[in-house]
Amino acid sequence: MILPSKHLPQDRALLTVGAAILLHLSHPVTVSALWEQMPRAVLDQKASRSMHYDGFVLALDLLFLIGAIDLRDGLLVRRAS
């Protein structure tokens, strides 16, 4: 689920979704606001394989675990590398 595989297309892998999240996280924002501003083209590559909110949250969890984002005062913040 983290990486693409034979049974998981690249656009549904958590690293791919996480990369798209990082591209759109330019300023502190709430989780729900980030979900709303994510372009549907990234999340809905194909209607049959659309990324749902739970996959979006799992990608956020992965980014938090690897230290790419933080949660400060209820806002998601991209950490400096």
N, C-alpha and C. Protein backbone atom coordinates (compact mmCIF):
# COMPACT_ATOMS: atom_id res chain seq x y z
N MET A 1 0.82 -1.20 0.00
CA MET A 1 0.00 0.00 0.00
C MET A 1 0.86 1.26 0.00
N ILE A 2 2.04 1.15 0.56
CA ILE A 2 2.91 2.32 0.57
C ILE A 2 3.54 2.53 -0.80
N LEU A 3 4.02 1.44 -1.38
CA LEU A 3 4.61 1.47 -2.71
C LEU A 3 3.69 0.82 -3.73
N PRO A 4 3.80 1.19 -4.99
CA PRO A 4 3.00 0.51 -6.00
C PRO A 4 3.45 -0.94 -6.14
N SER A 5 2.54 -1.79 -6.52
CA SER A 5 2.87 -3.20 -6.71
C SER A 5 2.06 -3.74 -7.88
N LYS A 6 2.12 -5.04 -8.04
CA LYS A 6 1.38 -5.68 -9.12
C LYS A 6 -0.13 -5.47 -8.97
N HIS A 7 -0.59 -5.40 -7.74
CA HIS A 7 -2.02 -5.27 -7.48
C HIS A 7 -2.44 -3.86 -7.07
N LEU A 8 -1.47 -2.97 -6.93
CA LEU A 8 -1.76 -1.58 -6.53
C LEU A 8 -1.16 -0.63 -7.55
N PRO A 9 -1.99 0.10 -8.28
CA PRO A 9 -1.46 1.04 -9.28
C PRO A 9 -0.68 2.18 -8.62
N GLN A 10 0.20 2.77 -9.39
CA GLN A 10 1.06 3.83 -8.87
C GLN A 10 0.28 5.01 -8.32
N ASP A 11 -0.81 5.37 -8.94
CA ASP A 11 -1.57 6.54 -8.50
C ASP A 11 -2.29 6.32 -7.17
N ARG A 12 -2.41 5.08 -6.70
CA ARG A 12 -3.07 4.79 -5.42
C ARG A 12 -2.07 4.54 -4.30
N ALA A 13 -0.78 4.44 -4.61
CA ALA A 13 0.23 4.20 -3.59
C ALA A 13 0.33 5.41 -2.67
N LEU A 14 0.56 5.15 -1.39
CA LEU A 14 0.60 6.23 -0.41
C LEU A 14 1.74 7.20 -0.67
N LEU A 15 2.86 6.74 -1.19
CA LEU A 15 3.95 7.66 -1.51
C LEU A 15 3.57 8.63 -2.63
N THR A 16 2.82 8.16 -3.60
CA THR A 16 2.38 9.02 -4.69
C THR A 16 1.39 10.08 -4.18
N VAL A 17 0.45 9.64 -3.38
CA VAL A 17 -0.53 10.57 -2.80
C VAL A 17 0.18 11.54 -1.85
N GLY A 18 1.13 11.02 -1.07
CA GLY A 18 1.88 11.88 -0.16
C GLY A 18 2.68 12.94 -0.89
N ALA A 19 3.26 12.58 -2.03
CA ALA A 19 4.00 13.56 -2.83
C ALA A 19 3.07 14.66 -3.34
N ALA A 20 1.88 14.28 -3.77
CA ALA A 20 0.91 15.28 -4.22
C ALA A 20 0.48 16.19 -3.07
N ILE A 21 0.34 15.61 -1.89
CA ILE A 21 -0.01 16.41 -0.71
C ILE A 21 1.08 17.44 -0.42
N LEU A 22 2.33 17.00 -0.45
CA LEU A 22 3.44 17.91 -0.17
C LEU A 22 3.51 19.05 -1.19
N LEU A 23 3.16 18.77 -2.43
CA LEU A 23 3.15 19.82 -3.45
C LEU A 23 2.10 20.90 -3.15
N HIS A 24 1.01 20.51 -2.51
CA HIS A 24 -0.07 21.46 -2.23
C HIS A 24 -0.03 22.03 -0.82
N LEU A 25 0.94 21.61 -0.03
CA LEU A 25 1.03 22.09 1.35
C LEU A 25 2.09 23.19 1.42
N SER A 26 1.76 24.35 0.89
CA SER A 26 2.71 25.46 0.85
C SER A 26 2.59 26.38 2.07
N HIS A 27 1.47 26.31 2.77
CA HIS A 27 1.26 27.12 3.97
C HIS A 27 0.44 26.29 4.96
N PRO A 28 0.47 26.65 6.25
CA PRO A 28 -0.30 25.88 7.24
C PRO A 28 -1.79 25.86 6.89
N VAL A 29 -2.38 24.68 7.00
CA VAL A 29 -3.77 24.50 6.60
C VAL A 29 -4.37 23.34 7.41
N THR A 30 -5.67 23.35 7.58
CA THR A 30 -6.33 22.23 8.27
C THR A 30 -6.42 21.04 7.33
N VAL A 31 -6.66 19.87 7.92
CA VAL A 31 -6.78 18.65 7.13
C VAL A 31 -7.94 18.76 6.14
N SER A 32 -9.07 19.24 6.62
CA SER A 32 -10.24 19.33 5.74
C SER A 32 -10.03 20.36 4.63
N ALA A 33 -9.36 21.46 4.92
CA ALA A 33 -9.09 22.46 3.89
C ALA A 33 -8.12 21.90 2.84
N LEU A 34 -7.13 21.14 3.28
CA LEU A 34 -6.19 20.53 2.34
C LEU A 34 -6.90 19.52 1.45
N TRP A 35 -7.81 18.74 2.03
CA TRP A 35 -8.60 17.79 1.24
C TRP A 35 -9.41 18.52 0.17
N GLU A 36 -9.98 19.66 0.53
CA GLU A 36 -10.78 20.42 -0.43
C GLU A 36 -9.94 21.05 -1.53
N GLN A 37 -8.70 21.45 -1.22
CA GLN A 37 -7.90 22.11 -2.25
C GLN A 37 -7.11 21.13 -3.11
N MET A 38 -7.04 19.87 -2.71
CA MET A 38 -6.37 18.88 -3.56
C MET A 38 -7.15 18.74 -4.85
N PRO A 39 -6.48 18.87 -5.97
CA PRO A 39 -7.22 18.76 -7.24
C PRO A 39 -7.76 17.35 -7.42
N ARG A 40 -8.95 17.27 -7.90
CA ARG A 40 -9.59 15.97 -8.11
C ARG A 40 -8.81 15.15 -9.13
N ALA A 41 -8.04 15.80 -10.01
CA ALA A 41 -7.25 15.06 -10.99
C ALA A 41 -6.22 14.18 -10.30
N VAL A 42 -5.69 14.63 -9.17
CA VAL A 42 -4.71 13.84 -8.42
C VAL A 42 -5.41 12.72 -7.69
N LEU A 43 -6.53 13.02 -7.08
CA LEU A 43 -7.20 12.04 -6.24
C LEU A 43 -8.10 11.11 -7.04
N ASP A 44 -8.58 11.55 -8.18
CA ASP A 44 -9.51 10.74 -8.98
C ASP A 44 -8.93 10.47 -10.37
N GLN A 45 -7.83 9.75 -10.43
CA GLN A 45 -7.22 9.44 -11.72
C GLN A 45 -8.21 8.73 -12.63
N LYS A 46 -8.90 7.76 -12.08
CA LYS A 46 -9.96 7.07 -12.80
C LYS A 46 -11.10 6.87 -11.82
N ALA A 47 -12.30 6.98 -12.28
CA ALA A 47 -13.46 6.88 -11.39
C ALA A 47 -13.49 5.57 -10.63
N SER A 48 -13.04 4.50 -11.26
CA SER A 48 -13.08 3.20 -10.59
C SER A 48 -11.98 3.05 -9.55
N ARG A 49 -10.95 3.89 -9.63
CA ARG A 49 -9.83 3.78 -8.69
C ARG A 49 -9.63 5.07 -7.93
N SER A 50 -10.67 5.79 -7.62
CA SER A 50 -10.52 7.08 -6.98
C SER A 50 -10.02 6.92 -5.54
N MET A 51 -9.20 7.88 -5.12
CA MET A 51 -8.69 7.88 -3.76
C MET A 51 -9.76 8.44 -2.84
N HIS A 52 -10.05 7.71 -1.82
CA HIS A 52 -11.05 8.15 -0.87
C HIS A 52 -10.37 8.86 0.30
N TYR A 53 -11.17 9.44 1.15
CA TYR A 53 -10.65 10.21 2.27
C TYR A 53 -9.76 9.36 3.17
N ASP A 54 -10.10 8.09 3.36
CA ASP A 54 -9.29 7.25 4.23
C ASP A 54 -7.88 7.05 3.66
N GLY A 55 -7.75 6.93 2.35
CA GLY A 55 -6.43 6.84 1.74
C GLY A 55 -5.64 8.14 1.87
N PHE A 56 -6.36 9.25 1.78
CA PHE A 56 -5.75 10.56 1.97
C PHE A 56 -5.18 10.69 3.38
N VAL A 57 -5.96 10.25 4.36
CA VAL A 57 -5.53 10.32 5.76
C VAL A 57 -4.36 9.37 6.01
N LEU A 58 -4.38 8.19 5.40
CA LEU A 58 -3.25 7.27 5.54
C LEU A 58 -1.97 7.87 4.96
N ALA A 59 -2.09 8.60 3.86
CA ALA A 59 -0.93 9.28 3.28
C ALA A 59 -0.43 10.36 4.23
N LEU A 60 -1.35 11.08 4.88
CA LEU A 60 -0.94 12.07 5.88
C LEU A 60 -0.22 11.40 7.05
N ASP A 61 -0.73 10.26 7.49
CA ASP A 61 -0.07 9.50 8.56
C ASP A 61 1.35 9.12 8.17
N LEU A 62 1.52 8.64 6.95
CA LEU A 62 2.84 8.27 6.48
C LEU A 62 3.78 9.47 6.47
N LEU A 63 3.30 10.60 5.97
CA LEU A 63 4.13 11.82 5.94
C LEU A 63 4.51 12.26 7.35
N PHE A 64 3.59 12.11 8.30
CA PHE A 64 3.90 12.47 9.68
C PHE A 64 4.96 11.53 10.26
N LEU A 65 4.80 10.24 9.98
CA LEU A 65 5.74 9.24 10.52
C LEU A 65 7.15 9.42 9.98
N ILE A 66 7.28 9.84 8.74
CA ILE A 66 8.62 10.03 8.18
C ILE A 66 9.16 11.43 8.45
N GLY A 67 8.39 12.26 9.15
CA GLY A 67 8.86 13.58 9.54
C GLY A 67 8.73 14.64 8.48
N ALA A 68 7.88 14.43 7.50
CA ALA A 68 7.72 15.42 6.43
C ALA A 68 6.73 16.52 6.79
N ILE A 69 5.78 16.22 7.68
CA ILE A 69 4.79 17.21 8.11
C ILE A 69 4.64 17.17 9.62
N ASP A 70 4.12 18.24 10.17
CA ASP A 70 3.81 18.35 11.59
C ASP A 70 2.39 18.89 11.75
N LEU A 71 1.85 18.70 12.94
CA LEU A 71 0.55 19.28 13.28
C LEU A 71 0.79 20.29 14.39
N ARG A 72 0.55 21.57 14.08
CA ARG A 72 0.76 22.64 15.06
C ARG A 72 -0.51 23.46 15.17
N ASP A 73 -1.05 23.49 16.38
CA ASP A 73 -2.28 24.25 16.66
C ASP A 73 -3.41 23.87 15.72
N GLY A 74 -3.51 22.58 15.38
CA GLY A 74 -4.59 22.10 14.52
C GLY A 74 -4.35 22.31 13.04
N LEU A 75 -3.17 22.78 12.67
CA LEU A 75 -2.86 23.03 11.26
C LEU A 75 -1.71 22.13 10.82
N LEU A 76 -1.82 21.63 9.60
CA LEU A 76 -0.73 20.85 9.01
C LEU A 76 0.35 21.80 8.51
N VAL A 77 1.60 21.48 8.83
CA VAL A 77 2.71 22.32 8.45
C VAL A 77 3.77 21.44 7.80
N ARG A 78 4.28 21.87 6.67
CA ARG A 78 5.36 21.13 6.02
C ARG A 78 6.66 21.44 6.75
N ARG A 79 7.39 20.39 7.12
CA ARG A 79 8.66 20.59 7.82
C ARG A 79 9.76 20.93 6.84
N ALA A 80 10.67 21.76 7.27
CA ALA A 80 11.82 22.11 6.45
C ALA A 80 12.74 20.90 6.35
N SER A 81 13.30 20.70 5.19
CA SER A 81 14.17 19.53 5.01
C SER A 81 15.60 19.82 5.37
